[in-house]
Amino acid sequence: MQQVSQPPHSEALWRMLTQQANAAYAQQHTLSAHAKYTEAMTKAEEMLQIFQETGVPLSAPLAFVISCHNLADCLETQKQTDQAAHFLRYACTKLTHLAQRPELPLQARLACVEQLRPAVNVLSEQSIPSLSHQQDIQNLIAQARTAALTVYQVASYAVQTRLEDAPVTERPS
């Protein structure tokens, strides 16, 4: 796996942009909030790209999900429900894909699975009028759950293997 160094300010910049967007959103400046949330999303996607290649930083999936949900909320406020739903699906799809990548370190895959839970919860609460979209969402949720179960099984097996491979020490008499 190729090592790519993450600029140390990436997460700090993402955090700053998100805080600025949150402040604008709280003041009901939705256009300004949308612009800052979009910038934060770009930074989160950059972090996730590095994460996809290296497995670090483990905070990248969290930043990505927060950015997707923030944009979805902002777009929902602007009555752009189709675009809002897109970001909710995007969060689930991307994290499911990353969780299924066996070349990622187990800790990285677990970080994706941890963020799949809130992504799936928000997605499942979405009111979707179209039957075909409802079926798409149900399929996406099923894929996310399958990926999560697979990663948890791998993690459980890894722990079990480490215990079985541990040296046996004699009991004191």
N, C-alpha and C. Protein backbone atom coordinates (compact mmCIF):
# COMPACT_ATOMS: atom_id res chain seq x y z
N MET A 1 0.84 -1.16 0.00
CA MET A 1 0.00 0.00 0.00
C MET A 1 0.90 1.24 0.00
N GLN A 2 0.64 2.14 -0.90
CA GLN A 2 1.46 3.34 -1.04
C GLN A 2 1.17 4.30 0.11
N GLN A 3 2.23 4.84 0.68
CA GLN A 3 2.08 5.81 1.76
C GLN A 3 2.01 7.21 1.19
N VAL A 4 0.93 7.90 1.48
CA VAL A 4 0.75 9.28 1.06
C VAL A 4 0.59 10.08 2.33
N SER A 5 1.39 11.12 2.47
CA SER A 5 1.29 11.89 3.71
C SER A 5 0.14 12.88 3.60
N GLN A 6 -0.60 12.97 4.66
CA GLN A 6 -1.74 13.89 4.73
C GLN A 6 -1.23 15.23 5.22
N PRO A 7 -1.58 16.30 4.52
CA PRO A 7 -1.20 17.60 5.05
C PRO A 7 -1.79 17.74 6.45
N PRO A 8 -0.99 18.20 7.42
CA PRO A 8 -1.45 18.22 8.81
C PRO A 8 -2.64 19.15 9.02
N HIS A 9 -2.85 20.08 8.14
CA HIS A 9 -3.92 21.05 8.34
C HIS A 9 -5.24 20.63 7.71
N SER A 10 -5.29 19.50 7.04
CA SER A 10 -6.51 19.08 6.34
C SER A 10 -7.71 18.96 7.27
N GLU A 11 -7.55 18.24 8.36
CA GLU A 11 -8.68 18.06 9.28
C GLU A 11 -9.02 19.38 9.96
N ALA A 12 -8.02 20.16 10.31
CA ALA A 12 -8.27 21.46 10.94
C ALA A 12 -9.03 22.38 9.98
N LEU A 13 -8.66 22.36 8.72
CA LEU A 13 -9.35 23.18 7.73
C LEU A 13 -10.79 22.70 7.54
N TRP A 14 -10.98 21.39 7.47
CA TRP A 14 -12.33 20.84 7.36
C TRP A 14 -13.17 21.30 8.56
N ARG A 15 -12.59 21.19 9.74
CA ARG A 15 -13.30 21.57 10.97
C ARG A 15 -13.67 23.05 10.96
N MET A 16 -12.74 23.90 10.53
CA MET A 16 -12.98 25.34 10.48
C MET A 16 -14.11 25.66 9.49
N LEU A 17 -14.05 25.06 8.31
CA LEU A 17 -15.09 25.30 7.30
C LEU A 17 -16.46 24.84 7.81
N THR A 18 -16.49 23.70 8.48
CA THR A 18 -17.74 23.17 9.02
C THR A 18 -18.30 24.10 10.09
N GLN A 19 -17.44 24.62 10.96
CA GLN A 19 -17.90 25.54 12.00
C GLN A 19 -18.43 26.84 11.39
N GLN A 20 -17.76 27.33 10.35
CA GLN A 20 -18.25 28.54 9.68
C GLN A 20 -19.62 28.28 9.04
N ALA A 21 -19.75 27.14 8.41
CA ALA A 21 -21.02 26.78 7.78
C ALA A 21 -22.13 26.62 8.83
N ASN A 22 -21.80 25.98 9.95
CA ASN A 22 -22.78 25.82 11.02
C ASN A 22 -23.26 27.17 11.55
N ALA A 23 -22.33 28.11 11.70
CA ALA A 23 -22.69 29.45 12.17
C ALA A 23 -23.62 30.14 11.17
N ALA A 24 -23.31 30.03 9.90
CA ALA A 24 -24.16 30.65 8.86
C ALA A 24 -25.53 29.98 8.85
N TYR A 25 -25.56 28.67 8.98
CA TYR A 25 -26.82 27.92 8.99
C TYR A 25 -27.68 28.33 10.18
N ALA A 26 -27.04 28.47 11.35
CA ALA A 26 -27.76 28.86 12.57
C ALA A 26 -28.39 30.25 12.41
N GLN A 27 -27.75 31.11 11.64
CA GLN A 27 -28.27 32.46 11.39
C GLN A 27 -29.19 32.49 10.17
N GLN A 28 -29.53 31.32 9.65
CA GLN A 28 -30.42 31.16 8.50
C GLN A 28 -29.88 31.79 7.22
N HIS A 29 -28.57 31.85 7.09
CA HIS A 29 -27.92 32.29 5.86
C HIS A 29 -27.61 31.03 5.04
N THR A 30 -28.65 30.44 4.46
CA THR A 30 -28.52 29.13 3.85
C THR A 30 -27.61 29.11 2.63
N LEU A 31 -27.57 30.18 1.86
CA LEU A 31 -26.68 30.18 0.69
C LEU A 31 -25.22 30.20 1.11
N SER A 32 -24.90 31.01 2.11
CA SER A 32 -23.53 31.05 2.63
C SER A 32 -23.18 29.71 3.28
N ALA A 33 -24.13 29.16 4.04
CA ALA A 33 -23.90 27.86 4.69
C ALA A 33 -23.66 26.79 3.64
N HIS A 34 -24.47 26.79 2.58
CA HIS A 34 -24.31 25.80 1.53
C HIS A 34 -22.92 25.88 0.90
N ALA A 35 -22.46 27.10 0.64
CA ALA A 35 -21.13 27.28 0.04
C ALA A 35 -20.03 26.73 0.96
N LYS A 36 -20.13 27.02 2.25
CA LYS A 36 -19.11 26.53 3.20
C LYS A 36 -19.21 25.02 3.41
N TYR A 37 -20.44 24.49 3.45
CA TYR A 37 -20.60 23.04 3.57
C TYR A 37 -20.02 22.34 2.34
N THR A 38 -20.16 22.96 1.18
CA THR A 38 -19.60 22.38 -0.05
C THR A 38 -18.08 22.38 0.02
N GLU A 39 -17.50 23.46 0.52
CA GLU A 39 -16.03 23.50 0.69
C GLU A 39 -15.58 22.43 1.69
N ALA A 40 -16.31 22.31 2.79
CA ALA A 40 -15.97 21.30 3.79
C ALA A 40 -16.09 19.90 3.20
N MET A 41 -17.10 19.68 2.36
CA MET A 41 -17.28 18.38 1.71
C MET A 41 -16.09 18.07 0.80
N THR A 42 -15.63 19.06 0.07
CA THR A 42 -14.46 18.87 -0.79
C THR A 42 -13.25 18.46 0.04
N LYS A 43 -13.06 19.11 1.17
CA LYS A 43 -11.93 18.77 2.05
C LYS A 43 -12.12 17.37 2.63
N ALA A 44 -13.34 17.01 3.01
CA ALA A 44 -13.61 15.67 3.56
C ALA A 44 -13.36 14.60 2.50
N GLU A 45 -13.73 14.88 1.25
CA GLU A 45 -13.47 13.91 0.17
C GLU A 45 -11.97 13.76 -0.07
N GLU A 46 -11.22 14.84 0.05
CA GLU A 46 -9.76 14.75 -0.08
C GLU A 46 -9.18 13.88 1.03
N MET A 47 -9.66 14.09 2.25
CA MET A 47 -9.21 13.27 3.38
C MET A 47 -9.57 11.80 3.15
N LEU A 48 -10.77 11.56 2.63
CA LEU A 48 -11.22 10.20 2.38
C LEU A 48 -10.42 9.53 1.27
N GLN A 49 -9.99 10.30 0.28
CA GLN A 49 -9.16 9.76 -0.79
C GLN A 49 -7.82 9.28 -0.22
N ILE A 50 -7.23 10.07 0.64
CA ILE A 50 -5.97 9.68 1.29
C ILE A 50 -6.21 8.46 2.18
N PHE A 51 -7.33 8.47 2.89
CA PHE A 51 -7.71 7.35 3.74
C PHE A 51 -7.85 6.07 2.92
N GLN A 52 -8.45 6.19 1.76
CA GLN A 52 -8.65 5.04 0.87
C GLN A 52 -7.32 4.44 0.42
N GLU A 53 -6.32 5.28 0.28
CA GLU A 53 -5.01 4.82 -0.17
C GLU A 53 -4.12 4.33 0.98
N THR A 54 -4.33 4.90 2.19
CA THR A 54 -3.40 4.61 3.28
C THR A 54 -4.03 4.01 4.53
N GLY A 55 -5.35 4.20 4.69
CA GLY A 55 -6.01 3.74 5.91
C GLY A 55 -5.95 4.75 7.04
N VAL A 56 -5.40 5.92 6.79
CA VAL A 56 -5.34 7.00 7.78
C VAL A 56 -5.70 8.32 7.11
N PRO A 57 -6.18 9.28 7.82
CA PRO A 57 -6.51 9.28 9.24
C PRO A 57 -7.84 8.57 9.48
N LEU A 58 -7.93 7.95 10.66
CA LEU A 58 -9.15 7.21 11.00
C LEU A 58 -10.35 8.14 11.17
N SER A 59 -10.11 9.43 11.27
CA SER A 59 -11.20 10.41 11.40
C SER A 59 -11.83 10.76 10.05
N ALA A 60 -11.25 10.34 8.95
CA ALA A 60 -11.76 10.70 7.62
C ALA A 60 -13.19 10.22 7.38
N PRO A 61 -13.56 8.98 7.73
CA PRO A 61 -14.95 8.57 7.52
C PRO A 61 -15.94 9.43 8.32
N LEU A 62 -15.57 9.80 9.53
CA LEU A 62 -16.44 10.65 10.34
C LEU A 62 -16.63 12.02 9.68
N ALA A 63 -15.54 12.63 9.24
CA ALA A 63 -15.62 13.93 8.58
C ALA A 63 -16.49 13.84 7.33
N PHE A 64 -16.34 12.75 6.60
CA PHE A 64 -17.11 12.55 5.37
C PHE A 64 -18.61 12.43 5.66
N VAL A 65 -18.98 11.63 6.65
CA VAL A 65 -20.39 11.46 6.98
C VAL A 65 -20.99 12.77 7.50
N ILE A 66 -20.27 13.46 8.34
CA ILE A 66 -20.76 14.75 8.84
C ILE A 66 -20.98 15.71 7.68
N SER A 67 -20.06 15.75 6.74
CA SER A 67 -20.19 16.65 5.59
C SER A 67 -21.39 16.28 4.73
N CYS A 68 -21.58 14.99 4.49
CA CYS A 68 -22.74 14.55 3.71
C CYS A 68 -24.04 14.93 4.40
N HIS A 69 -24.12 14.70 5.70
CA HIS A 69 -25.34 15.01 6.44
C HIS A 69 -25.58 16.51 6.54
N ASN A 70 -24.51 17.28 6.72
CA ASN A 70 -24.68 18.74 6.77
C ASN A 70 -25.21 19.27 5.44
N LEU A 71 -24.64 18.80 4.36
CA LEU A 71 -25.11 19.24 3.05
C LEU A 71 -26.56 18.81 2.82
N ALA A 72 -26.88 17.60 3.20
CA ALA A 72 -28.26 17.11 3.04
C ALA A 72 -29.24 17.97 3.83
N ASP A 73 -28.89 18.30 5.07
CA ASP A 73 -29.77 19.14 5.89
C ASP A 73 -29.94 20.52 5.26
N CYS A 74 -28.85 21.09 4.80
CA CYS A 74 -28.90 22.42 4.18
C CYS A 74 -29.76 22.39 2.91
N LEU A 75 -29.56 21.39 2.10
CA LEU A 75 -30.33 21.27 0.86
C LEU A 75 -31.81 21.02 1.15
N GLU A 76 -32.08 20.25 2.18
CA GLU A 76 -33.47 20.01 2.58
C GLU A 76 -34.14 21.32 2.98
N THR A 77 -33.42 22.16 3.69
CA THR A 77 -33.93 23.48 4.08
C THR A 77 -34.25 24.33 2.85
N GLN A 78 -33.45 24.13 1.80
CA GLN A 78 -33.65 24.88 0.56
C GLN A 78 -34.65 24.20 -0.37
N LYS A 79 -35.34 23.17 0.15
CA LYS A 79 -36.35 22.42 -0.60
C LYS A 79 -35.78 21.69 -1.82
N GLN A 80 -34.51 21.31 -1.73
CA GLN A 80 -33.85 20.53 -2.78
C GLN A 80 -33.72 19.09 -2.29
N THR A 81 -34.86 18.43 -2.15
CA THR A 81 -34.89 17.11 -1.52
C THR A 81 -34.17 16.03 -2.31
N ASP A 82 -34.20 16.11 -3.64
CA ASP A 82 -33.50 15.11 -4.44
C ASP A 82 -31.99 15.19 -4.21
N GLN A 83 -31.47 16.41 -4.19
CA GLN A 83 -30.03 16.57 -3.94
C GLN A 83 -29.68 16.17 -2.52
N ALA A 84 -30.56 16.48 -1.57
CA ALA A 84 -30.32 16.10 -0.18
C ALA A 84 -30.24 14.58 -0.06
N ALA A 85 -31.18 13.89 -0.70
CA ALA A 85 -31.18 12.42 -0.67
C ALA A 85 -29.92 11.86 -1.32
N HIS A 86 -29.43 12.53 -2.35
CA HIS A 86 -28.20 12.09 -3.02
C HIS A 86 -27.04 12.01 -2.02
N PHE A 87 -26.88 13.02 -1.18
CA PHE A 87 -25.76 13.03 -0.24
C PHE A 87 -25.93 11.97 0.84
N LEU A 88 -27.15 11.68 1.23
CA LEU A 88 -27.38 10.61 2.21
C LEU A 88 -27.03 9.25 1.61
N ARG A 89 -27.42 9.05 0.35
CA ARG A 89 -27.06 7.78 -0.33
C ARG A 89 -25.55 7.71 -0.56
N TYR A 90 -24.96 8.83 -0.93
CA TYR A 90 -23.52 8.89 -1.20
C TYR A 90 -22.72 8.47 0.04
N ALA A 91 -23.13 8.93 1.21
CA ALA A 91 -22.43 8.55 2.44
C ALA A 91 -22.45 7.04 2.63
N CYS A 92 -23.63 6.44 2.48
CA CYS A 92 -23.76 4.98 2.66
C CYS A 92 -22.98 4.21 1.60
N THR A 93 -23.12 4.63 0.36
CA THR A 93 -22.46 3.94 -0.74
C THR A 93 -20.95 3.96 -0.59
N LYS A 94 -20.39 5.12 -0.32
CA LYS A 94 -18.93 5.26 -0.22
C LYS A 94 -18.37 4.47 0.97
N LEU A 95 -19.02 4.59 2.11
CA LEU A 95 -18.52 3.88 3.30
C LEU A 95 -18.68 2.36 3.16
N THR A 96 -19.75 1.92 2.53
CA THR A 96 -19.93 0.49 2.28
C THR A 96 -18.80 -0.02 1.39
N HIS A 97 -18.53 0.72 0.34
CA HIS A 97 -17.45 0.34 -0.59
C HIS A 97 -16.11 0.25 0.15
N LEU A 98 -15.80 1.24 0.97
CA LEU A 98 -14.52 1.23 1.69
C LEU A 98 -14.45 0.11 2.72
N ALA A 99 -15.56 -0.15 3.40
CA ALA A 99 -15.58 -1.21 4.41
C ALA A 99 -15.33 -2.58 3.78
N GLN A 100 -15.70 -2.73 2.51
CA GLN A 100 -15.55 -4.01 1.82
C GLN A 100 -14.16 -4.20 1.22
N ARG A 101 -13.29 -3.21 1.33
CA ARG A 101 -11.96 -3.33 0.71
C ARG A 101 -10.99 -4.08 1.62
N PRO A 102 -10.68 -5.33 1.28
CA PRO A 102 -9.81 -6.12 2.15
C PRO A 102 -8.39 -5.59 2.25
N GLU A 103 -7.97 -4.77 1.29
CA GLU A 103 -6.60 -4.25 1.36
C GLU A 103 -6.45 -3.12 2.38
N LEU A 104 -7.58 -2.57 2.85
CA LEU A 104 -7.50 -1.56 3.91
C LEU A 104 -7.22 -2.25 5.24
N PRO A 105 -6.45 -1.60 6.10
CA PRO A 105 -6.24 -2.19 7.43
C PRO A 105 -7.57 -2.37 8.16
N LEU A 106 -7.63 -3.37 9.01
CA LEU A 106 -8.86 -3.68 9.72
C LEU A 106 -9.37 -2.47 10.51
N GLN A 107 -8.49 -1.72 11.14
CA GLN A 107 -8.91 -0.54 11.90
C GLN A 107 -9.60 0.48 10.99
N ALA A 108 -9.12 0.62 9.78
CA ALA A 108 -9.73 1.55 8.83
C ALA A 108 -11.12 1.06 8.42
N ARG A 109 -11.23 -0.23 8.18
CA ARG A 109 -12.53 -0.80 7.80
C ARG A 109 -13.52 -0.67 8.96
N LEU A 110 -13.05 -0.86 10.18
CA LEU A 110 -13.91 -0.69 11.35
C LEU A 110 -14.35 0.77 11.49
N ALA A 111 -13.46 1.72 11.17
CA ALA A 111 -13.82 3.14 11.22
C ALA A 111 -14.95 3.44 10.23
N CYS A 112 -14.92 2.81 9.09
CA CYS A 112 -16.01 2.97 8.10
C CYS A 112 -17.31 2.40 8.62
N VAL A 113 -17.24 1.22 9.22
CA VAL A 113 -18.44 0.56 9.73
C VAL A 113 -19.05 1.38 10.87
N GLU A 114 -18.21 1.97 11.72
CA GLU A 114 -18.73 2.81 12.81
C GLU A 114 -19.56 3.95 12.26
N GLN A 115 -19.16 4.51 11.13
CA GLN A 115 -19.89 5.63 10.55
C GLN A 115 -21.04 5.18 9.65
N LEU A 116 -21.05 3.92 9.29
CA LEU A 116 -22.19 3.40 8.51
C LEU A 116 -23.47 3.42 9.34
N ARG A 117 -23.35 3.17 10.63
CA ARG A 117 -24.56 3.12 11.47
C ARG A 117 -25.33 4.44 11.42
N PRO A 118 -24.71 5.60 11.71
CA PRO A 118 -25.49 6.84 11.61
C PRO A 118 -25.93 7.15 10.19
N ALA A 119 -25.12 6.78 9.21
CA ALA A 119 -25.48 7.03 7.81
C ALA A 119 -26.73 6.24 7.44
N VAL A 120 -26.78 4.98 7.85
CA VAL A 120 -27.94 4.12 7.55
C VAL A 120 -29.17 4.61 8.32
N ASN A 121 -28.98 5.02 9.57
CA ASN A 121 -30.12 5.49 10.36
C ASN A 121 -30.77 6.71 9.72
N VAL A 122 -29.98 7.67 9.31
CA VAL A 122 -30.53 8.87 8.68
C VAL A 122 -31.19 8.51 7.35
N LEU A 123 -30.55 7.66 6.60
CA LEU A 123 -31.10 7.26 5.30
C LEU A 123 -32.43 6.53 5.46
N SER A 124 -32.53 5.67 6.46
CA SER A 124 -33.76 4.91 6.65
C SER A 124 -34.90 5.78 7.16
N GLU A 125 -34.60 6.92 7.76
CA GLU A 125 -35.64 7.84 8.24
C GLU A 125 -36.15 8.75 7.13
N GLN A 126 -35.49 8.74 6.00
CA GLN A 126 -35.85 9.59 4.86
C GLN A 126 -37.22 9.20 4.32
N SER A 127 -38.10 10.18 4.11
CA SER A 127 -39.40 9.89 3.49
C SER A 127 -39.24 10.00 1.98
N ILE A 128 -39.44 8.86 1.31
CA ILE A 128 -39.20 8.77 -0.13
C ILE A 128 -40.51 8.40 -0.82
N PRO A 129 -41.01 9.30 -1.67
CA PRO A 129 -42.30 9.03 -2.30
C PRO A 129 -42.28 7.91 -3.34
N SER A 130 -41.22 7.79 -4.09
CA SER A 130 -41.17 6.84 -5.20
C SER A 130 -40.86 5.43 -4.70
N LEU A 131 -41.63 4.47 -5.18
CA LEU A 131 -41.43 3.07 -4.80
C LEU A 131 -40.07 2.55 -5.27
N SER A 132 -39.63 2.95 -6.46
CA SER A 132 -38.34 2.49 -6.96
C SER A 132 -37.20 3.05 -6.11
N HIS A 133 -37.33 4.30 -5.65
CA HIS A 133 -36.31 4.87 -4.78
C HIS A 133 -36.31 4.18 -3.41
N GLN A 134 -37.51 3.83 -2.93
CA GLN A 134 -37.59 3.10 -1.66
C GLN A 134 -36.87 1.77 -1.77
N GLN A 135 -37.04 1.08 -2.88
CA GLN A 135 -36.37 -0.21 -3.09
C GLN A 135 -34.87 -0.02 -3.18
N ASP A 136 -34.43 1.04 -3.87
CA ASP A 136 -32.99 1.34 -3.96
C ASP A 136 -32.40 1.59 -2.57
N ILE A 137 -33.12 2.34 -1.76
CA ILE A 137 -32.66 2.64 -0.40
C ILE A 137 -32.58 1.35 0.42
N GLN A 138 -33.59 0.50 0.32
CA GLN A 138 -33.59 -0.76 1.07
C GLN A 138 -32.41 -1.65 0.63
N ASN A 139 -32.12 -1.68 -0.66
CA ASN A 139 -30.96 -2.44 -1.16
C ASN A 139 -29.66 -1.87 -0.62
N LEU A 140 -29.55 -0.56 -0.62
CA LEU A 140 -28.34 0.10 -0.11
C LEU A 140 -28.14 -0.18 1.37
N ILE A 141 -29.22 -0.14 2.13
CA ILE A 141 -29.15 -0.44 3.56
C ILE A 141 -28.75 -1.90 3.78
N ALA A 142 -29.30 -2.80 2.98
CA ALA A 142 -28.93 -4.22 3.10
C ALA A 142 -27.45 -4.44 2.78
N GLN A 143 -26.94 -3.76 1.76
CA GLN A 143 -25.52 -3.87 1.42
C GLN A 143 -24.65 -3.33 2.55
N ALA A 144 -25.06 -2.22 3.15
CA ALA A 144 -24.30 -1.64 4.25
C ALA A 144 -24.28 -2.59 5.45
N ARG A 145 -25.40 -3.18 5.75
CA ARG A 145 -25.46 -4.12 6.89
C ARG A 145 -24.62 -5.36 6.62
N THR A 146 -24.65 -5.86 5.40
CA THR A 146 -23.83 -7.01 5.04
C THR A 146 -22.35 -6.69 5.17
N ALA A 147 -21.95 -5.52 4.70
CA ALA A 147 -20.55 -5.09 4.81
C ALA A 147 -20.15 -4.99 6.28
N ALA A 148 -21.01 -4.40 7.10
CA ALA A 148 -20.71 -4.24 8.52
C ALA A 148 -20.55 -5.60 9.19
N LEU A 149 -21.46 -6.52 8.92
CA LEU A 149 -21.37 -7.85 9.52
C LEU A 149 -20.09 -8.57 9.11
N THR A 150 -19.72 -8.42 7.84
CA THR A 150 -18.50 -9.04 7.35
C THR A 150 -17.27 -8.49 8.07
N VAL A 151 -17.21 -7.19 8.21
CA VAL A 151 -16.07 -6.57 8.90
C VAL A 151 -16.03 -7.00 10.36
N TYR A 152 -17.19 -7.03 11.02
CA TYR A 152 -17.22 -7.48 12.41
C TYR A 152 -16.79 -8.93 12.55
N GLN A 153 -17.15 -9.77 11.59
CA GLN A 153 -16.72 -11.17 11.61
C GLN A 153 -15.21 -11.27 11.45
N VAL A 154 -14.65 -10.49 10.53
CA VAL A 154 -13.20 -10.48 10.33
C VAL A 154 -12.50 -10.01 11.61
N ALA A 155 -13.04 -8.97 12.22
CA ALA A 155 -12.44 -8.44 13.45
C ALA A 155 -12.50 -9.48 14.57
N SER A 156 -13.62 -10.17 14.68
CA SER A 156 -13.77 -11.20 15.70
C SER A 156 -12.79 -12.34 15.46
N TYR A 157 -12.64 -12.72 14.20
CA TYR A 157 -11.70 -13.78 13.85
C TYR A 157 -10.27 -13.35 14.16
N ALA A 158 -9.96 -12.09 13.90
CA ALA A 158 -8.60 -11.59 14.16
C ALA A 158 -8.29 -11.65 15.65
N VAL A 159 -9.24 -11.28 16.49
CA VAL A 159 -9.05 -11.33 17.94
C VAL A 159 -8.90 -12.77 18.39
N GLN A 160 -9.76 -13.63 17.89
CA GLN A 160 -9.71 -15.05 18.26
C GLN A 160 -8.37 -15.67 17.85
N THR A 161 -7.90 -15.33 16.67
CA THR A 161 -6.63 -15.88 16.18
C THR A 161 -5.47 -15.42 17.06
N ARG A 162 -5.50 -14.15 17.45
CA ARG A 162 -4.43 -13.64 18.32
C ARG A 162 -4.43 -14.38 19.65
N LEU A 163 -5.60 -14.66 20.18
CA LEU A 163 -5.67 -15.38 21.45
C LEU A 163 -5.17 -16.81 21.31
N GLU A 164 -5.52 -17.45 20.21
CA GLU A 164 -5.08 -18.83 19.98
C GLU A 164 -3.59 -18.91 19.72
N ASP A 165 -3.02 -17.86 19.14
CA ASP A 165 -1.60 -17.86 18.82
C ASP A 165 -0.74 -17.39 20.00
N ALA A 166 -1.37 -16.95 21.07
CA ALA A 166 -0.62 -16.47 22.23
C ALA A 166 0.15 -17.63 22.84
N PRO A 167 1.37 -17.35 23.29
CA PRO A 167 2.15 -18.44 23.91
C PRO A 167 1.48 -18.93 25.19
N VAL A 168 1.52 -20.22 25.38
CA VAL A 168 0.94 -20.83 26.57
C VAL A 168 1.99 -20.79 27.67
N THR A 169 1.59 -20.25 28.78
CA THR A 169 2.52 -20.21 29.92
C THR A 169 2.03 -21.21 30.95
N GLU A 170 3.00 -21.75 31.67
CA GLU A 170 2.64 -22.72 32.70
C GLU A 170 2.02 -22.01 33.88
N ARG A 171 1.10 -22.73 34.51
CA ARG A 171 0.48 -22.18 35.71
C ARG A 171 1.41 -22.34 36.87
N PRO A 172 1.42 -21.34 37.73
CA PRO A 172 2.26 -21.51 38.94
C PRO A 172 1.66 -22.59 39.83
N SER A 173 2.53 -23.36 40.46
CA SER A 173 2.02 -24.46 41.30
C SER A 173 1.85 -24.04 42.73
